[in-house]
Protein backbone atom coordinates (compact mmCIF):
# COMPACT_ATOMS: atom_id res chain seq x y z
CA MET A 1 -214.69 46.91 26.78
CA LEU A 2 -213.04 45.61 29.83
CA LYS A 3 -215.07 44.61 33.00
CA MET A 4 -213.65 45.08 36.50
CA LEU A 5 -214.30 42.18 38.82
CA LEU A 6 -213.58 41.70 42.46
CA ASP A 7 -212.72 38.10 43.41
CA PRO A 8 -213.52 36.73 46.83
CA MET A 9 -209.89 37.06 47.98
CA GLY A 10 -210.00 40.96 47.32
CA GLY A 11 -208.06 40.71 44.07
CA ILE A 12 -209.15 42.93 41.06
CA VAL A 13 -209.57 41.28 37.58
CA MET A 14 -209.96 43.40 34.38
CA THR A 15 -211.14 41.31 31.47
CA ASN A 16 -213.60 41.10 28.56
CA ASP A 17 -213.26 37.25 28.32
CA GLY A 18 -216.48 35.35 28.92
CA ASN A 19 -214.76 32.45 30.77
CA CYS A 20 -212.77 34.73 33.11
CA ILE A 21 -215.95 36.52 34.15
CA LEU A 22 -218.02 33.34 34.58
CA ARG A 23 -215.26 31.78 36.61
CA GLU A 24 -215.70 34.37 39.19
CA VAL A 25 -219.59 33.77 39.45
CA ASP A 26 -220.86 31.56 42.27
CA VAL A 27 -224.05 29.80 41.06
CA SER A 28 -226.00 26.88 42.37
CA HIS A 29 -228.50 26.10 39.59
CA PRO A 30 -227.38 22.83 37.77
CA ALA A 31 -228.17 24.28 34.31
CA ALA A 32 -225.95 27.41 35.17
CA LYS A 33 -223.19 25.26 36.36
CA SER A 34 -223.32 23.24 33.08
CA MET A 35 -223.20 26.60 31.09
CA ILE A 36 -220.10 27.78 33.02
CA GLU A 37 -218.45 24.23 32.44
CA LEU A 38 -219.28 24.61 28.69
CA SER A 39 -217.32 27.96 28.63
CA ARG A 40 -214.38 26.47 30.43
CA ALA A 41 -214.27 23.49 28.14
CA GLN A 42 -214.35 25.97 25.04
CA ASP A 43 -211.48 27.97 26.51
CA GLU A 44 -209.45 24.73 27.08
CA GLU A 45 -210.16 23.21 23.76
CA VAL A 46 -210.17 26.31 21.45
CA GLY A 47 -209.01 29.34 23.44
CA ASP A 48 -211.65 31.68 21.92
CA GLY A 49 -215.28 31.75 21.64
CA THR A 50 -216.16 31.43 25.31
CA THR A 51 -218.89 34.19 25.26
CA SER A 52 -220.25 32.90 21.91
CA VAL A 53 -220.97 29.45 23.32
CA ILE A 54 -222.86 30.94 26.14
CA ILE A 55 -225.07 33.08 23.91
CA LEU A 56 -225.62 30.24 21.51
CA SER A 57 -226.29 27.66 24.19
CA GLY A 58 -228.62 30.23 26.08
CA GLU A 59 -230.61 30.83 22.80
CA ILE A 60 -231.02 27.03 22.17
CA LEU A 61 -232.27 26.50 25.70
CA SER A 62 -234.71 29.53 25.38
CA LEU A 63 -236.25 27.79 22.19
CA ALA A 64 -236.92 24.54 24.11
CA GLU A 65 -239.14 26.39 26.77
CA PRO A 66 -242.29 26.78 24.51
CA LEU A 67 -241.91 23.06 23.49
CA LEU A 68 -241.87 21.97 27.27
CA GLU A 69 -244.91 24.12 27.92
CA ARG A 70 -246.79 22.17 25.11
CA ASN A 71 -245.71 18.96 26.97
CA PHE A 72 -243.17 17.72 24.58
CA HIS A 73 -241.01 15.03 26.14
CA PRO A 74 -237.51 16.07 26.76
CA THR A 75 -236.01 13.07 24.90
CA ILE A 76 -237.90 14.16 21.73
CA ILE A 77 -236.39 17.71 22.24
CA VAL A 78 -232.84 16.30 22.66
CA SER A 79 -233.33 14.06 19.63
CA GLY A 80 -234.10 17.25 17.50
CA TYR A 81 -230.90 18.87 18.99
CA SER A 82 -228.82 15.79 17.88
CA LYS A 83 -230.18 16.19 14.41
CA ALA A 84 -229.41 19.92 14.43
CA LEU A 85 -225.78 19.01 15.67
CA GLN A 86 -225.21 16.63 12.80
CA CYS A 87 -226.56 19.17 10.31
CA ALA A 88 -224.25 21.92 11.80
CA LEU A 89 -221.24 19.40 11.58
CA ASP A 90 -221.96 18.57 7.91
CA THR A 91 -222.15 22.36 7.21
CA CYS A 92 -218.88 22.98 8.94
CA LYS A 93 -217.17 20.24 6.69
CA LYS A 94 -218.60 21.76 3.42
CA ILE A 95 -217.38 25.35 4.31
CA SER A 96 -213.99 24.39 5.85
CA ARG A 97 -210.77 24.68 3.99
CA VAL A 98 -207.31 23.17 4.62
CA ILE A 99 -204.74 25.65 5.83
CA ASP A 100 -200.99 25.35 5.19
CA ILE A 101 -199.15 25.67 8.57
CA ASN A 102 -195.98 26.95 6.76
CA ASN A 103 -198.15 29.87 5.31
CA THR A 104 -197.72 32.55 7.99
CA SER A 105 -200.20 34.97 6.55
CA ASP A 106 -203.03 32.48 6.68
CA LEU A 107 -202.12 31.60 10.23
CA ARG A 108 -201.97 35.16 11.18
CA GLU A 109 -205.52 35.74 9.90
CA ILE A 110 -206.78 32.91 12.07
CA VAL A 111 -205.00 33.72 15.32
CA LEU A 112 -205.83 37.54 14.94
CA SER A 113 -209.61 36.74 14.89
CA ALA A 114 -209.13 34.88 18.21
CA ILE A 115 -206.57 37.19 19.87
CA GLY A 116 -207.65 40.58 18.30
CA THR A 117 -210.43 40.78 20.83
CA LYS A 118 -208.24 40.24 23.93
CA PHE A 119 -205.69 43.11 23.26
CA SER A 120 -205.92 46.59 21.93
CA SER A 121 -205.22 47.22 18.26
CA LYS A 122 -201.89 48.64 19.10
CA TRP A 123 -200.53 45.32 20.55
CA GLY A 124 -202.68 42.88 18.65
CA PRO A 125 -200.36 42.16 15.61
CA MET A 126 -197.34 41.74 17.93
CA MET A 127 -199.14 39.19 20.29
CA VAL A 128 -200.30 37.25 17.18
CA ASP A 129 -196.85 37.03 15.87
CA MET A 130 -195.58 35.88 19.35
CA ALA A 131 -198.32 33.26 19.69
CA ILE A 132 -197.61 31.72 16.24
CA LYS A 133 -193.83 31.66 16.91
CA ALA A 134 -194.26 29.99 20.37
CA VAL A 135 -196.67 27.27 18.97
CA LEU A 136 -194.55 26.46 15.94
CA LYS A 137 -191.39 26.02 18.24
CA VAL A 138 -193.13 23.24 20.17
CA VAL A 139 -194.42 21.24 17.18
CA THR A 140 -192.96 17.69 16.89
CA LYS A 141 -193.74 15.33 14.16
CA ARG A 142 -193.58 11.62 14.83
CA GLY A 143 -194.32 9.88 11.49
CA ASP A 144 -197.86 10.67 10.56
CA TYR A 145 -198.69 11.93 14.12
CA THR A 146 -198.09 15.80 14.91
CA GLU A 147 -197.81 16.82 18.63
CA VAL A 148 -198.33 20.30 19.71
CA ASP A 149 -198.31 20.42 23.60
CA VAL A 150 -198.52 24.07 24.45
CA LYS A 151 -199.39 23.37 28.14
CA ARG A 152 -196.38 21.38 28.96
CA TYR A 153 -193.65 22.96 26.81
CA VAL A 154 -194.74 26.63 26.42
CA ARG A 155 -194.26 28.83 29.51
CA ILE A 156 -195.21 32.49 29.99
CA GLU A 157 -192.50 34.07 32.45
CA LYS A 158 -193.81 37.20 33.93
CA ILE A 159 -191.14 39.81 35.16
CA PRO A 160 -192.23 43.06 36.78
CA GLY A 161 -191.31 46.25 35.02
CA GLY A 162 -190.98 47.06 31.39
CA GLU A 163 -193.46 47.44 28.61
CA LEU A 164 -195.38 45.08 26.51
CA SER A 165 -193.18 45.97 23.62
CA GLU A 166 -190.23 44.21 25.34
CA CYS A 167 -192.13 41.00 25.23
CA HIS A 168 -190.59 38.39 22.88
CA VAL A 169 -190.55 34.64 22.30
CA LEU A 170 -187.28 32.99 23.56
CA ASP A 171 -185.63 30.32 21.28
CA GLY A 172 -184.78 28.15 24.20
CA VAL A 173 -185.75 27.58 28.01
CA MET A 174 -185.81 30.24 30.79
CA PHE A 175 -186.09 29.83 34.40
CA ASP A 176 -185.84 32.14 37.32
CA LYS A 177 -182.86 30.72 39.31
CA ASP A 178 -179.37 31.80 40.10
CA VAL A 179 -176.32 29.53 40.39
CA THR A 180 -175.70 27.85 43.85
CA HIS A 181 -172.29 29.37 44.22
CA SER A 182 -171.36 32.99 43.43
CA LYS A 183 -168.10 31.98 41.70
CA MET A 184 -169.64 29.45 39.31
CA ARG A 185 -169.63 30.29 35.52
CA ARG A 186 -172.66 32.31 34.23
CA TYR A 187 -171.87 32.13 30.52
CA ILE A 188 -171.06 28.91 28.72
CA GLU A 189 -171.13 28.22 25.04
CA ASN A 190 -172.21 24.65 23.97
CA PRO A 191 -172.46 23.21 27.34
CA ARG A 192 -173.05 19.63 28.37
CA ILE A 193 -176.14 19.44 30.63
CA LEU A 194 -176.90 16.76 33.11
CA LEU A 195 -180.47 16.71 34.77
CA LEU A 196 -181.01 14.98 38.24
CA ASP A 197 -183.95 13.97 40.16
CA CYS A 198 -182.10 13.16 43.38
CA PRO A 199 -180.48 15.18 46.20
CA LEU A 200 -176.79 16.07 46.18
CA GLU A 201 -176.60 16.23 49.91
CA TYR A 202 -176.38 13.53 52.89
CA LYS A 203 -179.61 11.50 53.22
CA LYS A 204 -181.77 12.38 56.12
CA GLY A 205 -183.63 9.59 58.01
CA ASP A 206 -187.29 9.19 57.03
CA SER A 207 -188.02 8.59 60.71
CA GLN A 208 -186.60 10.09 63.86
CA THR A 209 -183.18 8.75 64.10
CA ASN A 210 -181.02 8.98 67.28
CA VAL A 211 -177.24 8.52 67.22
CA GLU A 212 -175.31 7.91 70.51
CA ILE A 213 -171.74 9.32 70.41
CA MET A 214 -169.37 8.28 73.15
CA ASN A 215 -166.29 10.23 72.15
CA GLU A 216 -164.97 12.85 69.81
CA ASP A 217 -163.54 10.29 67.36
CA ASP A 218 -167.14 8.77 66.79
CA PHE A 219 -168.44 12.25 65.95
CA ASN A 220 -165.50 12.78 63.47
CA ALA A 221 -166.21 9.28 61.90
CA LEU A 222 -169.87 10.27 61.35
CA LEU A 223 -168.89 13.59 59.73
CA ARG A 224 -166.34 11.83 57.51
CA GLN A 225 -169.01 9.18 56.42
CA GLU A 226 -171.15 12.19 55.26
CA GLU A 227 -168.25 13.86 53.41
CA GLU A 228 -167.35 10.57 51.78
CA TYR A 229 -170.83 9.96 50.52
CA ILE A 230 -171.18 13.48 49.01
CA GLU A 231 -167.63 13.06 47.51
CA GLN A 232 -168.55 9.66 45.96
CA ILE A 233 -171.69 10.87 44.18
CA CYS A 234 -169.94 14.17 43.03
CA ALA A 235 -167.09 11.99 41.58
CA GLN A 236 -169.61 9.94 39.60
CA ILE A 237 -171.07 13.14 38.31
CA VAL A 238 -167.64 14.79 37.51
CA ALA A 239 -166.59 11.72 35.55
CA PHE A 240 -168.88 12.56 32.68
CA LYS A 241 -167.47 16.14 32.45
CA PRO A 242 -170.81 18.07 32.45
CA ASP A 243 -170.71 21.90 32.38
CA ILE A 244 -174.14 22.30 34.05
CA VAL A 245 -175.87 20.15 36.62
CA VAL A 246 -179.48 20.84 37.43
CA THR A 247 -181.36 19.04 40.23
CA GLU A 248 -184.87 19.10 41.44
CA LYS A 249 -183.51 18.60 45.00
CA GLY A 250 -180.93 20.37 47.12
CA VAL A 251 -177.25 20.78 46.63
CA SER A 252 -175.01 20.69 49.89
CA ASP A 253 -172.25 23.16 50.46
CA LEU A 254 -169.57 20.45 50.05
CA ALA A 255 -171.00 19.22 46.75
CA GLN A 256 -170.83 22.95 45.56
CA HIS A 257 -167.27 23.03 46.57
CA TYR A 258 -166.51 19.83 44.47
CA PHE A 259 -168.35 21.24 41.51
CA LEU A 260 -166.56 24.60 41.84
CA LYS A 261 -163.30 22.64 41.64
CA ALA A 262 -164.20 20.82 38.56
CA GLY A 263 -165.69 23.94 36.86
CA ILE A 264 -169.29 22.86 36.87
CA THR A 265 -172.20 25.22 37.34
CA SER A 266 -175.09 23.85 39.44
CA PHE A 267 -178.68 24.77 39.99
CA ARG A 268 -180.97 23.27 42.72
CA ARG A 269 -184.67 22.98 43.38
CA LEU A 270 -185.88 23.42 39.94
CA ARG A 271 -189.54 22.78 39.17
CA LYS A 272 -190.46 19.37 37.61
CA THR A 273 -192.22 21.27 34.62
CA ASP A 274 -188.94 23.41 33.97
CA GLN A 275 -186.79 20.22 34.22
CA ASN A 276 -189.02 18.48 31.61
CA ARG A 277 -188.76 21.47 29.31
CA LEU A 278 -184.98 21.51 29.64
CA ALA A 279 -184.86 17.83 28.86
CA ARG A 280 -186.84 18.38 25.69
CA ALA A 281 -184.69 21.40 24.50
CA THR A 282 -181.35 19.98 25.35
CA GLY A 283 -181.82 16.32 24.52
CA ALA A 284 -180.96 15.27 28.02
CA THR A 285 -182.51 12.47 30.19
CA ILE A 286 -183.54 13.14 33.80
CA VAL A 287 -181.49 10.75 35.83
CA ASN A 288 -182.81 9.30 39.21
CA ARG A 289 -179.51 8.23 40.63
CA PRO A 290 -175.95 9.36 40.17
CA ASP A 291 -174.62 5.78 39.70
CA GLU A 292 -176.96 5.30 36.79
CA ILE A 293 -175.65 8.12 34.59
CA GLN A 294 -174.61 7.17 31.05
CA GLU A 295 -173.06 9.19 28.44
CA SER A 296 -176.35 9.31 26.47
CA ASP A 297 -178.09 11.01 29.34
CA ILE A 298 -176.06 14.30 28.76
CA GLY A 299 -177.78 16.92 26.87
CA THR A 300 -175.69 18.44 24.07
CA ASN A 301 -178.19 20.45 22.13
CA CYS A 302 -177.77 23.64 23.92
CA GLY A 303 -175.89 26.31 22.05
CA LEU A 304 -175.59 28.98 24.80
CA PHE A 305 -176.17 29.04 28.57
CA GLU A 306 -176.41 32.55 30.16
CA VAL A 307 -177.43 33.96 33.56
CA ARG A 308 -178.72 37.46 33.01
CA LYS A 309 -180.57 39.99 35.09
CA ILE A 310 -183.87 41.43 33.60
CA GLY A 311 -185.55 44.16 35.55
CA ASP A 312 -185.36 43.42 39.26
CA GLU A 313 -185.17 39.70 38.96
């Protein structure tokens, strides 16, 4: 059953997740704070069982109360808890079994036990399949070491409108940005992608800068210097013939003009997290300066680039 909570900012939260409920509770007792921290750690490490750990730890604490009343020292009680912990770990090793990650039915059973309580029976199986697909897409093996970093490489993009049945796992990277110029290409097959971490516009002074201009020629020379700088960095980029240029900083109107002439599509002010996912998906390397670009920095693992309108976004 879902519980409706009102947070301090006036927002309404509907959930049956123990961690979500305890997160909204304001407590001052140190033991209660530790319990809430325990629920948060369980949610981060496992993702399920947040209510179970609170119930279990509360029962363990209640069993310690009669011992304290009989003047048992806390260190003796804690040593008993340590022995119980070791016994529980040994039992877990005995009853545990190895799961083949390529066996989808076994994975579905495990994930359904965790996610099944969060959604209604109608959407449960669909959410389970989506969760398994999303995690398997970001698994990387480096020798004997297997990395599954869902926090950095899995993103949930929320778009207003539509139904739950329209949700799906995208085999690629999605970000909510439009091209910088309306005439740039929005559909490219097998594009060459260049990722930058530098502005494609004239540098502004870090401190207050005053320029004294005596005549019109000086002003024109100043403008020409800015244009030549933009032209130079654009020429360095165009030389590698990328189809898409993505930067975390700004792109000036003049740089857009040069890119449009070269048939390059550009995006600006992309988040660092999105940039990292793009780098992983396309095989590109994020470059900090245009004059340091190498052919190996260009990402060529992308099969299709497309700008599409979904709902009102």
